[in-house]
Amino acid sequence: MDQKLEKQFRERAVALGSSGDPAALPELAEFTRLPVANVRRLAASAIGKLADGAEAVAALQPMDFADYKIGMFKKKQLYQQQGKRIVSLYPEDKPRMREQLLAKLAKYR
């Protein structure tokens, strides 16, 4: 995407989020489908400011999180190449994490 156009989308998302007008939700929902991650992030943030929980979830439903997971996969590969470990916070990636944390916290009760 052209940098000038991207800047316009970013500024528009911020302005809509600051407007306090829930009528902006459909436009912001469209922004979540754009190919630029920063625009999608700003649109999602603006939706959170304008909508209650159910409205926000409905507006964000079409948002594609696959590219986010792909980005995290690329970061994980980079960390592994550099000999570092990355910790995943996805529950499905660490099925026993909850049990292990509860067991450790039980020591302090």
N, C-alpha and C. Protein backbone atom coordinates (compact mmCIF):
# COMPACT_ATOMS: atom_id res chain seq x y z
N MET A 1 0.85 -1.18 0.00
CA MET A 1 0.00 0.00 0.00
C MET A 1 0.89 1.24 0.00
N ASP A 2 0.46 2.23 -0.72
CA ASP A 2 1.17 3.50 -0.81
C ASP A 2 1.27 4.13 0.59
N GLN A 3 2.43 4.67 0.94
CA GLN A 3 2.65 5.23 2.27
C GLN A 3 1.71 6.39 2.57
N LYS A 4 1.43 7.19 1.56
CA LYS A 4 0.54 8.33 1.76
C LYS A 4 -0.88 7.85 2.08
N LEU A 5 -1.33 6.84 1.36
CA LEU A 5 -2.66 6.27 1.59
C LEU A 5 -2.71 5.59 2.96
N GLU A 6 -1.65 4.87 3.29
CA GLU A 6 -1.57 4.22 4.59
C GLU A 6 -1.68 5.26 5.72
N LYS A 7 -0.99 6.38 5.56
CA LYS A 7 -1.04 7.45 6.56
C LYS A 7 -2.46 7.98 6.70
N GLN A 8 -3.15 8.14 5.59
CA GLN A 8 -4.53 8.62 5.63
C GLN A 8 -5.43 7.65 6.39
N PHE A 9 -5.25 6.36 6.13
CA PHE A 9 -6.04 5.35 6.85
C PHE A 9 -5.73 5.37 8.34
N ARG A 10 -4.45 5.49 8.69
CA ARG A 10 -4.07 5.54 10.11
C ARG A 10 -4.71 6.74 10.79
N GLU A 11 -4.58 7.90 10.16
CA GLU A 11 -5.14 9.12 10.75
C GLU A 11 -6.66 9.04 10.85
N ARG A 12 -7.29 8.45 9.84
CA ARG A 12 -8.75 8.32 9.87
C ARG A 12 -9.18 7.38 11.00
N ALA A 13 -8.47 6.28 11.19
CA ALA A 13 -8.81 5.34 12.27
C ALA A 13 -8.70 6.02 13.63
N VAL A 14 -7.64 6.80 13.83
CA VAL A 14 -7.46 7.51 15.10
C VAL A 14 -8.57 8.54 15.29
N ALA A 15 -8.88 9.27 14.23
CA ALA A 15 -9.93 10.29 14.32
C ALA A 15 -11.29 9.67 14.62
N LEU A 16 -11.60 8.55 13.98
CA LEU A 16 -12.88 7.89 14.25
C LEU A 16 -12.94 7.37 15.69
N GLY A 17 -11.83 6.85 16.18
CA GLY A 17 -11.80 6.37 17.56
C GLY A 17 -11.97 7.49 18.56
N SER A 18 -11.46 8.66 18.24
CA SER A 18 -11.57 9.82 19.12
C SER A 18 -12.93 10.50 19.02
N SER A 19 -13.67 10.20 17.97
CA SER A 19 -14.95 10.89 17.73
C SER A 19 -16.02 10.52 18.75
N GLY A 20 -15.95 9.32 19.29
CA GLY A 20 -16.98 8.88 20.23
C GLY A 20 -18.29 8.49 19.55
N ASP A 21 -18.30 8.41 18.23
CA ASP A 21 -19.52 8.12 17.47
C ASP A 21 -19.55 6.64 17.05
N PRO A 22 -20.45 5.84 17.65
CA PRO A 22 -20.54 4.42 17.29
C PRO A 22 -20.94 4.18 15.83
N ALA A 23 -21.44 5.21 15.15
CA ALA A 23 -21.79 5.06 13.73
C ALA A 23 -20.54 4.81 12.88
N ALA A 24 -19.37 5.04 13.44
CA ALA A 24 -18.12 4.82 12.71
C ALA A 24 -17.70 3.34 12.70
N LEU A 25 -18.39 2.49 13.43
CA LEU A 25 -18.00 1.08 13.53
C LEU A 25 -17.91 0.37 12.18
N PRO A 26 -18.88 0.53 11.26
CA PRO A 26 -18.75 -0.18 9.98
C PRO A 26 -17.49 0.23 9.20
N GLU A 27 -17.17 1.50 9.21
CA GLU A 27 -15.96 1.94 8.50
C GLU A 27 -14.71 1.36 9.16
N LEU A 28 -14.68 1.36 10.48
CA LEU A 28 -13.53 0.81 11.19
C LEU A 28 -13.42 -0.70 10.96
N ALA A 29 -14.56 -1.37 10.88
CA ALA A 29 -14.54 -2.81 10.59
C ALA A 29 -13.91 -3.06 9.23
N GLU A 30 -14.17 -2.20 8.27
CA GLU A 30 -13.55 -2.33 6.95
C GLU A 30 -12.03 -2.13 7.05
N PHE A 31 -11.60 -1.23 7.91
CA PHE A 31 -10.16 -0.99 8.08
C PHE A 31 -9.44 -2.22 8.60
N THR A 32 -10.15 -3.08 9.35
CA THR A 32 -9.51 -4.29 9.89
C THR A 32 -9.19 -5.30 8.80
N ARG A 33 -9.70 -5.09 7.61
CA ARG A 33 -9.44 -5.99 6.49
C ARG A 33 -8.32 -5.47 5.56
N LEU A 34 -7.77 -4.32 5.87
CA LEU A 34 -6.72 -3.74 5.03
C LEU A 34 -5.41 -4.51 5.22
N PRO A 35 -4.51 -4.46 4.23
CA PRO A 35 -3.29 -5.27 4.30
C PRO A 35 -2.19 -4.71 5.19
N VAL A 36 -2.41 -3.59 5.85
CA VAL A 36 -1.36 -2.98 6.67
C VAL A 36 -1.67 -3.22 8.15
N ALA A 37 -0.76 -3.90 8.83
CA ALA A 37 -0.99 -4.29 10.22
C ALA A 37 -1.23 -3.09 11.14
N ASN A 38 -0.51 -2.01 10.95
CA ASN A 38 -0.66 -0.86 11.82
C ASN A 38 -2.05 -0.23 11.68
N VAL A 39 -2.57 -0.21 10.47
CA VAL A 39 -3.92 0.32 10.25
C VAL A 39 -4.94 -0.60 10.94
N ARG A 40 -4.76 -1.90 10.79
CA ARG A 40 -5.68 -2.85 11.45
C ARG A 40 -5.63 -2.69 12.97
N ARG A 41 -4.44 -2.51 13.50
CA ARG A 41 -4.29 -2.34 14.96
C ARG A 41 -4.99 -1.08 15.44
N LEU A 42 -4.80 0.02 14.73
CA LEU A 42 -5.44 1.28 15.11
C LEU A 42 -6.96 1.18 14.98
N ALA A 43 -7.43 0.49 13.94
CA ALA A 43 -8.88 0.31 13.77
C ALA A 43 -9.45 -0.53 14.90
N ALA A 44 -8.76 -1.59 15.28
CA ALA A 44 -9.24 -2.44 16.38
C ALA A 44 -9.26 -1.66 17.69
N SER A 45 -8.25 -0.84 17.91
CA SER A 45 -8.22 0.00 19.11
C SER A 45 -9.39 0.98 19.12
N ALA A 46 -9.66 1.59 17.97
CA ALA A 46 -10.77 2.54 17.87
C ALA A 46 -12.10 1.85 18.10
N ILE A 47 -12.25 0.63 17.58
CA ILE A 47 -13.48 -0.13 17.81
C ILE A 47 -13.67 -0.38 19.30
N GLY A 48 -12.59 -0.71 19.99
CA GLY A 48 -12.67 -0.92 21.43
C GLY A 48 -13.10 0.32 22.20
N LYS A 49 -12.75 1.48 21.69
CA LYS A 49 -13.14 2.74 22.34
C LYS A 49 -14.60 3.08 22.10
N LEU A 50 -15.14 2.67 20.95
CA LEU A 50 -16.47 3.09 20.55
C LEU A 50 -17.58 2.10 20.90
N ALA A 51 -17.24 0.84 21.07
CA ALA A 51 -18.26 -0.18 21.21
C ALA A 51 -18.20 -0.85 22.57
N ASP A 52 -19.36 -1.36 23.01
CA ASP A 52 -19.34 -2.20 24.20
C ASP A 52 -18.80 -3.57 23.79
N GLY A 53 -18.69 -4.47 24.72
CA GLY A 53 -18.06 -5.77 24.45
C GLY A 53 -18.66 -6.52 23.28
N ALA A 54 -19.99 -6.67 23.25
CA ALA A 54 -20.64 -7.45 22.20
C ALA A 54 -20.49 -6.78 20.84
N GLU A 55 -20.64 -5.46 20.81
CA GLU A 55 -20.49 -4.74 19.54
C GLU A 55 -19.06 -4.85 19.03
N ALA A 56 -18.09 -4.74 19.93
CA ALA A 56 -16.69 -4.81 19.53
C ALA A 56 -16.36 -6.18 18.97
N VAL A 57 -16.84 -7.22 19.63
CA VAL A 57 -16.59 -8.58 19.14
C VAL A 57 -17.20 -8.78 17.76
N ALA A 58 -18.43 -8.29 17.57
CA ALA A 58 -19.09 -8.42 16.27
C ALA A 58 -18.32 -7.66 15.19
N ALA A 59 -17.83 -6.48 15.53
CA ALA A 59 -17.09 -5.67 14.54
C ALA A 59 -15.74 -6.29 14.20
N LEU A 60 -15.12 -6.94 15.18
CA LEU A 60 -13.80 -7.52 14.96
C LEU A 60 -13.86 -8.95 14.42
N GLN A 61 -15.03 -9.55 14.41
CA GLN A 61 -15.18 -10.95 13.98
C GLN A 61 -14.53 -11.24 12.63
N PRO A 62 -14.73 -10.38 11.62
CA PRO A 62 -14.14 -10.70 10.32
C PRO A 62 -12.63 -10.49 10.25
N MET A 63 -12.03 -9.93 11.28
CA MET A 63 -10.60 -9.64 11.24
C MET A 63 -9.81 -10.94 11.12
N ASP A 64 -8.83 -10.95 10.24
CA ASP A 64 -8.04 -12.14 9.97
C ASP A 64 -6.82 -12.17 10.88
N PHE A 65 -6.79 -13.14 11.78
CA PHE A 65 -5.67 -13.24 12.71
C PHE A 65 -4.59 -14.19 12.18
N ALA A 66 -4.82 -14.75 10.99
CA ALA A 66 -3.84 -15.68 10.43
C ALA A 66 -2.51 -14.99 10.18
N ASP A 67 -2.56 -13.76 9.68
CA ASP A 67 -1.30 -13.07 9.42
C ASP A 67 -0.56 -12.77 10.71
N TYR A 68 -1.30 -12.54 11.80
CA TYR A 68 -0.66 -12.34 13.10
C TYR A 68 0.08 -13.60 13.52
N LYS A 69 -0.58 -14.75 13.39
CA LYS A 69 0.06 -16.01 13.78
C LYS A 69 1.27 -16.29 12.89
N ILE A 70 1.16 -15.96 11.59
CA ILE A 70 2.30 -16.15 10.68
C ILE A 70 3.46 -15.27 11.12
N GLY A 71 3.15 -14.02 11.50
CA GLY A 71 4.19 -13.12 11.98
C GLY A 71 4.86 -13.65 13.23
N MET A 72 4.06 -14.21 14.14
CA MET A 72 4.63 -14.79 15.36
C MET A 72 5.48 -16.00 15.03
N PHE A 73 5.07 -16.80 14.04
CA PHE A 73 5.85 -17.95 13.63
C PHE A 73 7.21 -17.50 13.08
N LYS A 74 7.20 -16.43 12.29
CA LYS A 74 8.46 -15.91 11.74
C LYS A 74 9.36 -15.41 12.86
N LYS A 75 8.77 -14.75 13.86
CA LYS A 75 9.58 -14.29 15.00
C LYS A 75 10.17 -15.48 15.76
N LYS A 76 9.35 -16.51 15.92
CA LYS A 76 9.84 -17.70 16.63
C LYS A 76 11.02 -18.31 15.88
N GLN A 77 10.91 -18.39 14.55
CA GLN A 77 12.02 -18.91 13.76
C GLN A 77 13.27 -18.05 13.94
N LEU A 78 13.10 -16.74 13.94
CA LEU A 78 14.23 -15.84 14.11
C LEU A 78 14.88 -16.05 15.48
N TYR A 79 14.07 -16.14 16.52
CA TYR A 79 14.62 -16.38 17.85
C TYR A 79 15.37 -17.70 17.90
N GLN A 80 14.80 -18.73 17.28
CA GLN A 80 15.47 -20.03 17.29
C GLN A 80 16.79 -19.97 16.53
N GLN A 81 16.83 -19.23 15.44
CA GLN A 81 18.07 -19.10 14.68
C GLN A 81 19.13 -18.39 15.50
N GLN A 82 18.70 -17.49 16.36
CA GLN A 82 19.63 -16.73 17.19
C GLN A 82 19.95 -17.45 18.49
N GLY A 83 19.37 -18.66 18.68
CA GLY A 83 19.65 -19.44 19.88
C GLY A 83 18.87 -18.97 21.09
N LYS A 84 17.76 -18.26 20.86
CA LYS A 84 16.93 -17.79 21.97
C LYS A 84 15.62 -18.55 21.96
N ARG A 85 14.92 -18.52 23.08
CA ARG A 85 13.62 -19.17 23.17
C ARG A 85 12.54 -18.11 23.23
N ILE A 86 11.43 -18.42 22.63
CA ILE A 86 10.27 -17.53 22.72
C ILE A 86 9.18 -18.27 23.50
N VAL A 87 8.51 -17.55 24.37
CA VAL A 87 7.46 -18.15 25.17
C VAL A 87 6.12 -17.82 24.53
N SER A 88 5.35 -18.85 24.27
CA SER A 88 4.02 -18.66 23.70
C SER A 88 3.01 -18.50 24.82
N LEU A 89 2.07 -17.58 24.63
CA LEU A 89 1.01 -17.38 25.60
C LEU A 89 -0.32 -17.95 25.11
N TYR A 90 -0.29 -18.64 23.98
CA TYR A 90 -1.50 -19.27 23.48
C TYR A 90 -1.79 -20.51 24.30
N PRO A 91 -2.97 -20.59 24.91
CA PRO A 91 -3.29 -21.77 25.73
C PRO A 91 -3.17 -23.08 24.95
N GLU A 92 -3.53 -23.06 23.66
CA GLU A 92 -3.46 -24.30 22.89
C GLU A 92 -2.01 -24.74 22.65
N ASP A 93 -1.07 -23.80 22.74
CA ASP A 93 0.34 -24.15 22.57
C ASP A 93 0.93 -24.74 23.86
N LYS A 94 0.36 -24.39 24.97
CA LYS A 94 0.87 -24.84 26.26
C LYS A 94 -0.29 -25.42 27.09
N PRO A 95 -0.76 -26.63 26.75
CA PRO A 95 -1.96 -27.15 27.41
C PRO A 95 -1.81 -27.35 28.91
N ARG A 96 -0.60 -27.57 29.39
CA ARG A 96 -0.42 -27.82 30.83
C ARG A 96 -0.01 -26.57 31.59
N MET A 97 0.08 -25.43 30.93
CA MET A 97 0.56 -24.21 31.58
C MET A 97 -0.30 -23.84 32.78
N ARG A 98 -1.62 -23.87 32.62
CA ARG A 98 -2.52 -23.49 33.71
C ARG A 98 -2.28 -24.36 34.94
N GLU A 99 -2.21 -25.67 34.73
CA GLU A 99 -2.00 -26.58 35.86
C GLU A 99 -0.66 -26.32 36.54
N GLN A 100 0.36 -26.09 35.75
CA GLN A 100 1.68 -25.85 36.31
C GLN A 100 1.72 -24.54 37.10
N LEU A 101 1.08 -23.50 36.57
CA LEU A 101 1.04 -22.22 37.28
C LEU A 101 0.26 -22.34 38.57
N LEU A 102 -0.87 -23.03 38.53
CA LEU A 102 -1.67 -23.21 39.75
C LEU A 102 -0.89 -23.99 40.81
N ALA A 103 -0.14 -25.00 40.38
CA ALA A 103 0.66 -25.78 41.33
C ALA A 103 1.73 -24.91 41.98
N LYS A 104 2.37 -24.06 41.19
CA LYS A 104 3.40 -23.18 41.75
C LYS A 104 2.80 -22.14 42.68
N LEU A 105 1.65 -21.60 42.29
CA LEU A 105 1.00 -20.60 43.15
C LEU A 105 0.47 -21.19 44.44
N ALA A 106 0.14 -22.47 44.42
CA ALA A 106 -0.38 -23.13 45.62
C ALA A 106 0.64 -23.13 46.75
N LYS A 107 1.91 -23.06 46.40
CA LYS A 107 2.98 -23.05 47.41
C LYS A 107 2.90 -21.79 48.28
N TYR A 108 2.33 -20.73 47.76
CA TYR A 108 2.30 -19.46 48.47
C TYR A 108 1.01 -19.19 49.20
N ARG A 109 0.13 -20.17 49.27
CA ARG A 109 -1.13 -20.00 49.99
C ARG A 109 -1.00 -20.34 51.43
